[in-house]
Amino acid sequence: MITKETLVEEILQESDVITYFIQNRVSPFSCAGPFPQSLGKLLAIKNVNDPEAFIAGLNDFLAKRHLENL
């Protein structure tokens, strides 16, 4: 399960996760590559209004992708 403490670099190892970020207008990248800090820090920098909802949606997205690949 992804939390606000999860490193963005770890999240990006999941298949198709970039789709969720782009659909929600949050780029998980910095100019040097994957954002090198926690998801919570990224969402704060990007001024995401409801970080908890973003994270819950991301976990749901990944759960559905996992079920589709079984």
Protein backbone atom coordinates (compact mmCIF):
# COMPACT_ATOMS: atom_id res chain seq x y z
CA MET A 1 0.00 0.00 0.00
CA ILE A 2 1.26 3.43 -0.94
CA THR A 3 1.32 6.15 1.70
CA LYS A 4 2.46 9.76 1.75
CA GLU A 5 5.83 8.50 3.02
CA THR A 6 6.39 6.21 0.00
CA LEU A 7 9.20 7.40 -2.24
CA VAL A 8 8.06 8.48 -5.70
CA GLU A 9 10.95 6.51 -7.23
CA GLU A 10 9.49 3.32 -5.71
CA ILE A 11 5.98 4.10 -6.94
CA LEU A 12 7.21 4.56 -10.51
CA GLN A 13 8.41 0.95 -10.54
CA GLU A 14 4.74 -0.10 -10.73
CA SER A 15 3.39 -0.81 -14.19
CA ASP A 16 1.22 1.91 -15.76
CA VAL A 17 1.29 4.12 -12.65
CA ILE A 18 2.31 7.15 -14.70
CA THR A 19 -1.15 7.00 -16.29
CA TYR A 20 -2.76 7.77 -12.93
CA PHE A 21 -0.42 10.68 -12.25
CA ILE A 22 -1.04 12.23 -15.68
CA GLN A 23 -4.83 11.74 -15.46
CA ASN A 24 -4.70 13.67 -12.19
CA ARG A 25 -2.42 16.39 -13.57
CA VAL A 26 0.55 15.60 -11.32
CA SER A 27 3.93 14.97 -12.90
CA PRO A 28 6.02 12.49 -10.87
CA PHE A 29 9.21 13.78 -12.46
CA SER A 30 11.71 16.51 -11.74
CA CYS A 31 14.18 17.84 -14.28
CA ALA A 32 16.64 15.12 -13.18
CA GLY A 33 14.23 12.16 -13.44
CA PRO A 34 11.80 10.63 -10.94
CA PHE A 35 10.99 12.97 -8.05
CA PRO A 36 13.59 12.00 -5.40
CA GLN A 37 11.41 12.41 -2.29
CA SER A 38 8.17 11.15 -0.76
CA LEU A 39 4.78 11.22 -2.43
CA GLY A 40 3.51 13.51 0.33
CA LYS A 41 6.25 16.04 -0.42
CA LEU A 42 5.50 15.87 -4.16
CA LEU A 43 1.78 16.44 -3.61
CA ALA A 44 2.53 19.41 -1.32
CA ILE A 45 4.85 20.98 -3.89
CA LYS A 46 2.27 20.43 -6.65
CA ASN A 47 -0.46 22.01 -4.46
CA VAL A 48 -2.77 18.99 -4.69
CA ASN A 49 -5.95 20.02 -2.85
CA ASP A 50 -6.69 16.61 -1.30
CA PRO A 51 -3.52 14.51 -1.01
CA GLU A 52 -5.33 11.75 0.91
CA ALA A 53 -7.87 11.36 -1.91
CA PHE A 54 -5.05 11.28 -4.48
CA ILE A 55 -3.26 8.53 -2.54
CA ALA A 56 -6.47 6.53 -2.01
CA GLY A 57 -7.21 6.80 -5.73
CA LEU A 58 -3.68 5.71 -6.57
CA ASN A 59 -4.00 2.64 -4.36
CA ASP A 60 -7.36 1.80 -5.97
CA PHE A 61 -5.84 2.26 -9.43
CA LEU A 62 -3.00 -0.13 -8.61
CA ALA A 63 -5.35 -2.69 -7.05
CA LYS A 64 -7.52 -2.71 -10.19
CA ARG A 65 -4.46 -3.04 -12.45
CA HIS A 66 -3.23 -5.94 -10.33
CA LEU A 67 -6.60 -7.73 -10.60
CA GLU A 68 -6.67 -7.21 -14.37
CA ASN A 69 -3.27 -8.88 -14.66
CA LEU A 70 -4.20 -12.03 -12.72
